[in-house]
Amino acid sequence: MGKRLYVETWGCQMNIHQSERIVGLLKEEGYIPTDDISAADLVIFNTCAVRQKAEEKVYGRIGEVMEIKRRRPVLFGLGGCIAQVRKEELLRRFPVIDFLFGTSDLRALPGIVASLSADGGRVVHTPRPIGTEEMPVARRSPVSAMVTITEGCSNGCSYCIVPYARGPLRSRPPELILREIEEALSSGYKEVLLLGQNVDSYGRDRPEYGDFAALLERVARLGVPRIRFTSSHPRDMTDGVLEAIASHKNICRHIHLAAQSGSDRILREMNRGYTAGDFLGIVHRARALIPGINVTTDLIVGYPGETDADFRRTLELIEEARFGTIFVAKYSPRPGTRSARLSDDVPAEVKDARLQEVLSLARRIGLSLNEGFIGKDVEVLVEGRNRDGKWYGRTDDHRTVIISRGKVRLGEFVSVHITGASASGLSGEPLVPAEVKGE
């Protein structure tokens, strides 16, 4: 019987997909994935360093690995952004860690694991991220296939650790991207999610690859039933991308566009490269070109020097943009970033109050938008069951729908009559299954 592998992931969808690659590599070495950490022979934590809170959660989980290792031999590796940034500091702080690996050169993992299993010791493998990597993928979802199109980022936002942890922008060759998508289609996947720290910058480092709009056009012509992408940077979003969405029914009517702030002064301090007016201009053009498009966003509250007036401008941006969903976080300084040299001068209680005010406004707008779907029929791709055992899926504009009754199957498109709404999603009953979309 093969040894058992447990992988736990924090952070963005890029990290989730990277974990799929880690599992794919180690399955080729005979490891069997398990969801039970207490039964694993090899435990890997794939980590995120974008927020201090995420980092602290990882450190809290290491204690459980210590308890397991007291009872029996277990090999423990910690990888991803925290390992890339903290390096040997982690070995000194946590003797339980057997090996560290960073955000690139994952193909070294099987050799590291084999060496430690045979000879013991400790290993640090955090090379500078360069190039892109091709490797096997063990996809967790039977419905949606994640496909990386870029790695790293070169935008240099003042608060962001990604360029330090994941290196500069590297675009994958379009032929490799298209081949991976064709393989996913032949395996029965109904949705493809194109991934990058900033998908809109695709090709900036390799002009011969074409830009992101051109790549979207090529992917759409493959006949993928649904195409999604994340994440987008307002500075790099082009009208060509919006026109591609408008031109192809199988490119979903949803963009995740991180605003981060509504204050032009704070946006300058963040080195975001646009104003609030620029951002809203993109939103208005998107809605004019693509009726019904859902725009979601990320926001930071409590950035150094953020005044009450700056924060009010963020609330005004939310009111005008009317985001379908807002992911909001309190600012936390990250090592190696320019903003970490600034005084973290917004009091914790002020950050908390601003966070709650954004969440309250987001819930009010989200509920209002979702209530507009009651009585309508929407097409839903069934993705799984929730904790209550009910089927759920998403519309093409990225709204979650709970299917309250009726027979449906995983991975099928169904037409659902919406009977209820909350701030976070919709609920309804299935009608006749809809035909799968394509070009």
Protein backbone atom coordinates (compact mmCIF):
# COMPACT_ATOMS: atom_id res chain seq x y z
CA MET A 1 0.00 0.00 0.00
CA GLY A 2 1.34 3.45 -0.90
CA LYS A 3 2.12 6.08 1.67
CA ARG A 4 -0.62 8.60 2.44
CA LEU A 5 -0.35 12.29 1.58
CA TYR A 6 -2.23 15.14 3.27
CA VAL A 7 -2.08 18.64 1.73
CA GLU A 8 -3.64 21.67 3.40
CA THR A 9 -3.93 24.93 1.49
CA TRP A 10 -4.32 28.57 2.47
CA GLY A 11 -4.85 31.60 0.26
CA CYS A 12 -5.85 32.27 -3.31
CA GLN A 13 -6.99 30.02 -6.12
CA MET A 14 -3.45 30.07 -7.47
CA ASN A 15 -2.40 28.33 -4.27
CA ILE A 16 -5.27 25.86 -4.53
CA HIS A 17 -4.15 24.99 -8.07
CA GLN A 18 -0.53 24.76 -6.95
CA SER A 19 -1.63 22.18 -4.38
CA GLU A 20 -3.29 20.23 -7.18
CA ARG A 21 0.08 20.18 -8.89
CA ILE A 22 1.85 19.06 -5.71
CA VAL A 23 -0.58 16.17 -5.33
CA GLY A 24 -0.18 15.32 -9.03
CA LEU A 25 3.60 15.11 -8.67
CA LEU A 26 3.55 12.99 -5.52
CA LYS A 27 0.86 10.63 -6.80
CA GLU A 28 3.33 9.71 -9.53
CA GLU A 29 5.70 8.65 -6.72
CA GLY A 30 3.06 6.36 -5.22
CA TYR A 31 1.55 8.65 -2.59
CA ILE A 32 -2.20 8.30 -1.98
CA PRO A 33 -4.06 11.53 -1.11
CA THR A 34 -6.05 11.56 2.12
CA ASP A 35 -8.28 14.15 3.80
CA ASP A 36 -7.32 12.81 7.25
CA ILE A 37 -4.21 14.51 8.59
CA SER A 38 -3.94 12.01 11.45
CA ALA A 39 -3.57 9.13 8.95
CA ALA A 40 -0.93 10.77 6.72
CA ASP A 41 2.70 9.72 6.31
CA LEU A 42 3.54 12.99 4.53
CA VAL A 43 1.93 16.29 5.57
CA ILE A 44 2.34 19.41 3.43
CA PHE A 45 1.08 22.88 4.24
CA ASN A 46 0.89 25.16 1.18
CA THR A 47 0.76 28.63 2.67
CA CYS A 48 -0.23 32.24 2.02
CA ALA A 49 1.59 35.36 3.26
CA VAL A 50 -0.66 38.05 1.79
CA ARG A 51 -2.28 38.77 5.17
CA GLN A 52 -0.89 38.48 8.69
CA LYS A 53 -4.05 36.66 9.76
CA ALA A 54 -3.49 33.91 7.18
CA GLU A 55 0.10 33.51 8.38
CA GLU A 56 -1.00 33.20 12.00
CA LYS A 57 -3.53 30.50 11.08
CA VAL A 58 -0.75 28.41 9.56
CA TYR A 59 1.39 28.74 12.70
CA GLY A 60 -1.57 27.66 14.81
CA ARG A 61 -2.04 24.52 12.69
CA ILE A 62 1.59 23.45 13.09
CA GLY A 63 0.79 22.47 16.67
CA GLU A 64 -1.43 19.64 15.43
CA VAL A 65 1.43 18.25 13.34
CA MET A 66 3.65 18.33 16.44
CA GLU A 67 1.11 16.19 18.31
CA ILE A 68 0.93 13.69 15.44
CA LYS A 69 4.73 13.44 15.22
CA ARG A 70 4.92 12.65 18.93
CA ARG A 71 2.84 9.51 18.27
CA ARG A 72 4.43 8.22 15.05
CA PRO A 73 6.87 9.12 12.24
CA VAL A 74 5.50 11.76 9.87
CA LEU A 75 7.36 13.83 7.30
CA PHE A 76 6.24 17.48 7.43
CA GLY A 77 6.87 20.09 4.75
CA LEU A 78 5.82 23.73 4.71
CA GLY A 79 5.72 25.50 1.37
CA GLY A 80 4.28 28.41 -0.58
CA CYS A 81 4.56 32.12 0.10
CA ILE A 82 5.40 31.98 3.82
CA ALA A 83 8.28 29.59 3.16
CA GLN A 84 9.52 31.72 0.25
CA VAL A 85 9.56 34.85 2.43
CA ARG A 86 10.53 33.54 5.88
CA LYS A 87 12.94 30.77 4.82
CA GLU A 88 15.32 29.51 7.58
CA GLU A 89 13.56 31.62 10.21
CA LEU A 90 10.80 29.00 10.13
CA LEU A 91 13.20 26.12 10.83
CA ARG A 92 14.52 27.92 13.90
CA ARG A 93 11.03 28.69 15.17
CA PHE A 94 9.46 25.32 14.38
CA PRO A 95 11.76 22.30 14.83
CA VAL A 96 8.87 20.08 13.70
CA ILE A 97 9.35 21.22 10.07
CA ASP A 98 11.40 18.74 8.03
CA PHE A 99 11.56 20.70 4.79
CA LEU A 100 10.68 24.07 3.32
CA PHE A 101 9.86 24.72 -0.32
CA GLY A 102 8.92 27.95 -2.02
CA THR A 103 6.59 29.00 -4.81
CA SER A 104 8.57 27.57 -7.74
CA ASP A 105 10.58 24.51 -8.82
CA LEU A 106 7.93 22.19 -7.41
CA ARG A 107 9.41 19.38 -9.50
CA ALA A 108 12.15 19.12 -6.87
CA LEU A 109 9.61 17.96 -4.26
CA PRO A 110 9.65 14.20 -5.02
CA GLY A 111 13.46 14.15 -4.74
CA ILE A 112 13.40 16.12 -1.48
CA VAL A 113 10.80 13.80 0.02
CA ALA A 114 12.64 10.65 -1.09
CA SER A 115 15.96 11.92 0.30
CA LEU A 116 14.51 12.85 3.69
CA SER A 117 12.57 9.58 3.92
CA ALA A 118 15.81 7.65 3.39
CA ASP A 119 18.40 9.73 5.23
CA GLY A 120 16.59 12.20 7.47
CA GLY A 121 17.81 15.76 7.99
CA ARG A 122 16.19 19.06 7.04
CA VAL A 123 15.99 20.84 3.69
CA VAL A 124 15.31 24.41 2.55
CA HIS A 125 14.47 24.76 -1.16
CA THR A 126 13.32 28.29 -1.98
CA PRO A 127 14.94 29.27 -5.29
CA ARG A 128 14.14 32.58 -6.93
CA PRO A 129 10.97 32.12 -9.00
CA ILE A 130 11.85 32.16 -12.70
CA GLY A 131 10.14 30.74 -15.76
CA THR A 132 6.96 28.67 -15.68
CA GLU A 133 6.52 25.01 -14.79
CA GLU A 134 4.70 22.17 -16.52
CA MET A 135 3.68 19.25 -14.34
CA PRO A 136 0.88 16.75 -13.70
CA VAL A 137 -2.29 18.01 -12.01
CA ALA A 138 -4.57 16.08 -9.67
CA ARG A 139 -7.74 18.17 -9.95
CA ARG A 140 -10.00 18.20 -6.90
CA SER A 141 -13.08 19.54 -8.67
CA PRO A 142 -14.82 17.25 -11.18
CA VAL A 143 -16.55 20.29 -12.73
CA SER A 144 -14.14 23.24 -12.94
CA ALA A 145 -10.55 22.94 -14.20
CA MET A 146 -8.05 25.58 -13.07
CA VAL A 147 -5.46 26.50 -15.70
CA THR A 148 -2.57 28.85 -14.94
CA ILE A 149 -1.82 31.44 -17.63
CA THR A 150 0.64 33.64 -15.73
CA GLU A 151 2.83 33.29 -12.66
CA GLY A 152 4.14 36.13 -10.53
CA CYS A 153 3.42 39.84 -10.86
CA SER A 154 5.41 42.94 -11.84
CA ASN A 155 2.98 45.67 -10.79
CA GLY A 156 4.70 46.56 -7.53
CA CYS A 157 1.75 47.63 -5.37
CA SER A 158 3.24 49.09 -2.20
CA TYR A 159 1.47 46.73 0.23
CA CYS A 160 1.71 43.49 -1.75
CA ILE A 161 4.13 40.68 -1.03
CA VAL A 162 3.31 38.72 -4.21
CA PRO A 163 6.20 40.03 -6.39
CA TYR A 164 8.62 39.16 -3.57
CA ALA A 165 7.07 35.74 -2.88
CA ARG A 166 6.20 34.68 -6.43
CA GLY A 167 8.61 36.70 -8.56
CA PRO A 168 7.99 38.87 -11.62
CA LEU A 169 5.35 38.24 -14.29
CA ARG A 170 5.91 35.10 -16.35
CA SER A 171 3.39 34.22 -19.07
CA ARG A 172 2.89 30.62 -20.16
CA PRO A 173 3.07 29.86 -23.89
CA PRO A 174 -0.45 29.91 -25.38
CA GLU A 175 0.02 26.51 -27.01
CA LEU A 176 0.58 24.89 -23.61
CA ILE A 177 -2.44 26.68 -22.14
CA LEU A 178 -4.70 25.59 -25.01
CA ARG A 179 -3.42 22.02 -24.85
CA GLU A 180 -4.18 21.82 -21.11
CA ILE A 181 -7.68 23.18 -21.73
CA GLU A 182 -8.30 20.65 -24.50
CA GLU A 183 -7.21 17.86 -22.14
CA ALA A 184 -9.64 19.16 -19.50
CA LEU A 185 -12.44 19.24 -22.08
CA SER A 186 -11.71 15.68 -23.17
CA SER A 187 -11.91 14.65 -19.49
CA GLY A 188 -15.42 16.07 -19.25
CA TYR A 189 -14.83 19.41 -17.54
CA LYS A 190 -17.60 21.93 -18.14
CA GLU A 191 -15.76 25.00 -16.88
CA VAL A 192 -12.23 26.36 -17.17
CA LEU A 193 -10.87 28.96 -14.74
CA LEU A 194 -7.91 30.91 -16.14
CA LEU A 195 -5.58 31.89 -13.29
CA GLY A 196 -2.95 34.51 -12.67
CA GLN A 197 -2.01 37.06 -10.03
CA ASN A 198 -3.00 39.49 -12.79
CA VAL A 199 -4.45 37.77 -15.85
CA ASP A 200 -4.82 41.06 -17.74
CA SER A 201 -1.03 41.42 -17.89
CA TYR A 202 -0.73 38.20 -19.90
CA GLY A 203 1.84 38.60 -22.67
CA ARG A 204 3.35 41.85 -21.36
CA ASP A 205 6.63 40.00 -20.77
CA ARG A 206 6.31 38.01 -24.02
CA PRO A 207 4.63 40.13 -26.72
CA GLU A 208 4.88 37.25 -29.18
CA TYR A 209 2.24 35.41 -27.13
CA GLY A 210 -0.37 38.10 -27.78
CA ASP A 211 -2.39 39.81 -25.07
CA PHE A 212 -5.05 38.49 -22.72
CA ALA A 213 -7.94 39.49 -24.98
CA ALA A 214 -6.42 37.45 -27.83
CA LEU A 215 -5.93 34.46 -25.53
CA LEU A 216 -9.56 34.69 -24.37
CA GLU A 217 -10.70 34.64 -28.00
CA ARG A 218 -8.67 31.50 -28.68
CA VAL A 219 -9.97 29.73 -25.59
CA ALA A 220 -13.57 30.66 -26.43
CA ARG A 221 -13.23 29.10 -29.88
CA LEU A 222 -12.30 25.74 -28.32
CA GLY A 223 -15.94 25.36 -27.32
CA VAL A 224 -15.44 25.38 -23.54
CA PRO A 225 -18.96 25.53 -22.06
CA ARG A 226 -17.90 28.13 -19.47
CA ILE A 227 -14.77 30.24 -19.19
CA ARG A 228 -13.89 32.24 -16.08
CA PHE A 229 -10.76 34.17 -15.15
CA THR A 230 -9.24 35.75 -12.06
CA SER A 231 -7.79 38.09 -10.97
CA SER A 232 -7.90 41.36 -12.91
CA HIS A 233 -5.98 44.57 -12.21
CA PRO A 234 -7.79 47.81 -13.16
CA ARG A 235 -4.58 49.31 -14.52
CA ASP A 236 -4.27 46.50 -17.07
CA MET A 237 -7.93 45.80 -17.90
CA THR A 238 -8.55 46.65 -21.57
CA ASP A 239 -11.62 47.27 -23.66
CA GLY A 240 -10.48 44.29 -25.73
CA VAL A 241 -11.12 41.97 -22.78
CA LEU A 242 -14.57 43.44 -22.24
CA GLU A 243 -15.33 43.11 -25.95
CA ALA A 244 -14.25 39.45 -25.88
CA ILE A 245 -16.69 38.77 -23.03
CA ALA A 246 -19.45 40.56 -24.93
CA SER A 247 -18.73 38.59 -28.11
CA HIS A 248 -18.73 35.05 -26.69
CA LYS A 249 -21.60 33.51 -24.74
CA ASN A 250 -19.26 31.00 -23.11
CA ILE A 251 -17.11 33.68 -21.42
CA CYS A 252 -18.85 34.32 -18.12
CA ARG A 253 -20.41 37.70 -17.37
CA HIS A 254 -18.25 38.32 -14.33
CA ILE A 255 -15.05 40.22 -13.60
CA HIS A 256 -13.24 40.33 -10.28
CA LEU A 257 -11.65 43.78 -10.32
CA ALA A 258 -9.75 44.75 -7.18
CA ALA A 259 -10.43 48.40 -6.34
CA GLN A 260 -8.59 48.36 -2.96
CA SER A 261 -9.65 51.94 -2.13
CA GLY A 262 -11.91 54.74 -3.35
CA SER A 263 -9.47 57.47 -2.36
CA ASP A 264 -7.22 58.78 -5.13
CA ARG A 265 -4.62 59.75 -2.53
CA ILE A 266 -4.51 56.27 -1.03
CA LEU A 267 -4.47 54.68 -4.49
CA ARG A 268 -1.38 56.77 -5.31
CA GLU A 269 0.25 55.68 -2.05
CA MET A 270 -0.56 52.08 -2.96
CA ASN A 271 1.00 52.55 -6.43
CA ARG A 272 -2.13 51.17 -8.06
CA GLY A 273 -1.82 53.25 -11.22
CA TYR A 274 -5.42 54.44 -11.57
CA THR A 275 -7.90 56.79 -9.91
CA ALA A 276 -11.34 56.03 -8.52
CA GLY A 277 -12.73 57.71 -11.63
CA ASP A 278 -10.67 55.41 -13.86
CA PHE A 279 -11.98 52.39 -11.98
CA LEU A 280 -15.59 53.46 -12.23
CA GLY A 281 -15.06 54.16 -15.93
CA ILE A 282 -14.15 50.48 -16.44
CA VAL A 283 -17.22 49.39 -14.48
CA HIS A 284 -19.53 51.61 -16.52
CA ARG A 285 -18.01 50.46 -19.84
CA ALA A 286 -18.34 46.84 -18.77
CA ARG A 287 -22.02 47.27 -17.94
CA ALA A 288 -22.69 49.10 -21.19
CA LEU A 289 -21.04 46.36 -23.26
CA ILE A 290 -22.17 43.34 -21.22
CA PRO A 291 -25.70 43.66 -19.79
CA GLY A 292 -26.00 41.90 -16.45
CA ILE A 293 -22.27 41.60 -15.79
CA ASN A 294 -21.42 41.03 -12.14
CA VAL A 295 -18.46 43.04 -10.86
CA THR A 296 -16.85 41.85 -7.61
CA THR A 297 -13.90 43.43 -5.83
CA ASP A 298 -11.24 43.46 -3.09
CA LEU A 299 -10.83 46.34 -0.64
CA ILE A 300 -8.31 47.21 2.07
CA VAL A 301 -9.28 49.36 5.04
CA GLY A 302 -6.83 51.04 7.38
CA TYR A 303 -3.95 51.52 4.97
CA PRO A 304 -1.27 53.79 6.60
CA GLY A 305 -2.49 57.35 6.64
CA GLU A 306 -6.09 56.52 5.66
CA THR A 307 -8.28 59.30 7.06
CA ASP A 308 -12.01 59.35 7.64
CA ALA A 309 -12.34 61.34 4.41
CA ASP A 310 -10.36 58.71 2.49
CA PHE A 311 -12.59 55.98 3.88
CA ARG A 312 -15.76 57.90 2.98
CA ARG A 313 -14.57 57.96 -0.62
CA THR A 314 -14.29 54.18 -0.50
CA LEU A 315 -17.91 53.97 0.67
CA GLU A 316 -18.91 56.32 -2.15
CA LEU A 317 -17.14 54.05 -4.66
CA ILE A 318 -19.04 51.04 -3.31
CA GLU A 319 -22.35 52.87 -3.59
CA GLU A 320 -21.71 53.82 -7.21
CA ALA A 321 -20.12 50.57 -8.38
CA ARG A 322 -22.70 48.35 -6.62
CA PHE A 323 -20.45 45.30 -6.39
CA GLY A 324 -22.04 41.88 -6.31
CA THR A 325 -19.52 40.74 -3.68
CA ILE A 326 -16.80 42.52 -1.72
CA PHE A 327 -13.81 40.81 -0.14
CA VAL A 328 -12.48 43.26 2.43
CA ALA A 329 -9.46 43.01 4.70
CA LYS A 330 -7.81 45.14 7.34
CA TYR A 331 -4.38 46.37 6.30
CA SER A 332 -1.47 44.45 7.78
CA PRO A 333 2.19 45.23 6.97
CA ARG A 334 3.99 42.51 5.03
CA PRO A 335 7.75 41.98 5.20
CA GLY A 336 9.72 43.29 2.25
CA THR A 337 6.98 45.60 0.96
CA ARG A 338 7.35 49.38 0.70
CA SER A 339 4.35 50.08 2.90
CA ALA A 340 5.92 48.03 5.71
CA ARG A 341 8.34 50.94 6.17
CA LEU A 342 5.42 53.25 6.95
CA SER A 343 3.84 53.69 10.35
CA ASP A 344 0.83 51.39 10.72
CA ASP A 345 -0.97 54.37 12.22
CA VAL A 346 -4.68 53.55 11.84
CA PRO A 347 -5.79 52.22 15.26
CA ALA A 348 -7.03 48.61 15.39
CA GLU A 349 -10.46 49.66 16.61
CA VAL A 350 -10.80 52.10 13.68
CA LYS A 351 -9.84 49.35 11.22
CA ASP A 352 -12.43 47.07 12.82
CA ALA A 353 -15.16 49.71 12.59
CA ARG A 354 -14.36 50.46 8.94
CA LEU A 355 -14.33 46.76 8.10
CA GLN A 356 -17.77 46.31 9.62
CA GLU A 357 -19.13 49.37 7.83
CA VAL A 358 -17.95 48.01 4.47
CA LEU A 359 -19.42 44.58 5.22
CA SER A 360 -22.76 46.11 6.22
CA LEU A 361 -22.94 48.18 3.04
CA ALA A 362 -21.87 45.18 0.94
CA ARG A 363 -24.63 43.03 2.45
CA ARG A 364 -27.24 45.70 1.77
CA ILE A 365 -26.22 46.07 -1.86
CA GLY A 366 -25.77 42.33 -2.35
CA LEU A 367 -29.25 41.61 -1.01
CA SER A 368 -30.80 44.30 -3.21
CA LEU A 369 -29.08 42.93 -6.33
CA ASN A 370 -29.97 39.32 -5.55
CA GLU A 371 -33.61 40.10 -4.79
CA GLY A 372 -33.88 41.31 -8.39
CA PHE A 373 -33.52 37.66 -9.51
CA ILE A 374 -36.57 36.38 -7.64
CA GLY A 375 -39.11 35.04 -10.12
CA LYS A 376 -36.51 34.68 -12.89
CA ASP A 377 -35.02 31.54 -14.43
CA VAL A 378 -31.22 31.23 -14.45
CA GLU A 379 -28.81 28.65 -15.82
CA VAL A 380 -26.77 26.93 -13.10
CA LEU A 381 -23.76 24.63 -13.38
CA VAL A 382 -24.14 22.11 -10.53
CA GLU A 383 -20.90 21.97 -8.48
CA GLY A 384 -21.68 19.91 -5.38
CA ARG A 385 -23.64 19.61 -2.15
CA ASN A 386 -23.51 21.98 0.79
CA ARG A 387 -23.39 21.04 4.49
CA ASP A 388 -27.15 20.55 4.52
CA GLY A 389 -26.93 18.06 1.67
CA LYS A 390 -28.52 20.38 -0.88
CA TRP A 391 -27.12 20.74 -4.37
CA TYR A 392 -25.57 24.07 -5.27
CA GLY A 393 -23.97 25.68 -8.31
CA ARG A 394 -23.28 29.02 -9.92
CA THR A 395 -24.78 31.17 -12.59
CA ASP A 396 -22.50 32.41 -15.33
CA ASP A 397 -22.31 35.77 -13.53
CA HIS A 398 -20.84 34.00 -10.50
CA ARG A 399 -23.82 33.97 -8.15
CA THR A 400 -24.20 30.93 -5.93
CA VAL A 401 -27.56 29.16 -6.19
CA ILE A 402 -28.86 26.61 -3.67
CA ILE A 403 -31.16 24.13 -5.38
CA SER A 404 -33.85 23.50 -2.80
CA ARG A 405 -35.44 20.40 -4.32
CA GLY A 406 -35.60 18.24 -7.43
CA LYS A 407 -33.20 15.78 -9.05
CA VAL A 408 -30.01 17.16 -10.54
CA ARG A 409 -26.59 15.69 -11.30
CA LEU A 410 -23.10 16.92 -10.54
CA GLY A 411 -21.63 18.78 -13.51
CA GLU A 412 -24.86 19.33 -15.42
CA PHE A 413 -26.41 22.60 -16.49
CA VAL A 414 -29.91 23.11 -15.12
CA SER A 415 -32.41 25.91 -15.43
CA VAL A 416 -33.44 27.04 -11.94
CA HIS A 417 -36.45 29.18 -11.06
CA ILE A 418 -35.30 31.59 -8.33
CA THR A 419 -37.60 31.72 -5.32
CA GLY A 420 -35.35 33.22 -2.65
CA ALA A 421 -32.40 35.54 -2.16
CA SER A 422 -29.92 36.53 0.53
CA ALA A 423 -26.97 38.90 0.58
CA SER A 424 -24.67 36.03 -0.41
CA GLY A 425 -26.69 34.13 -3.00
CA LEU A 426 -29.89 32.73 -4.48
CA SER A 427 -32.11 29.70 -4.03
CA GLY A 428 -34.64 28.05 -6.27
CA GLU A 429 -36.11 24.95 -7.88
CA PRO A 430 -34.89 23.22 -11.05
CA LEU A 431 -36.83 23.27 -14.29
CA VAL A 432 -35.88 21.35 -17.46
CA PRO A 433 -32.08 20.95 -17.73
CA ALA A 434 -30.62 23.52 -20.08
CA GLU A 435 -28.45 22.63 -23.03
CA VAL A 436 -24.70 22.97 -22.54
CA LYS A 437 -23.43 26.20 -24.01
CA GLY A 438 -20.58 26.50 -26.48
CA GLU A 439 -19.40 28.40 -29.49
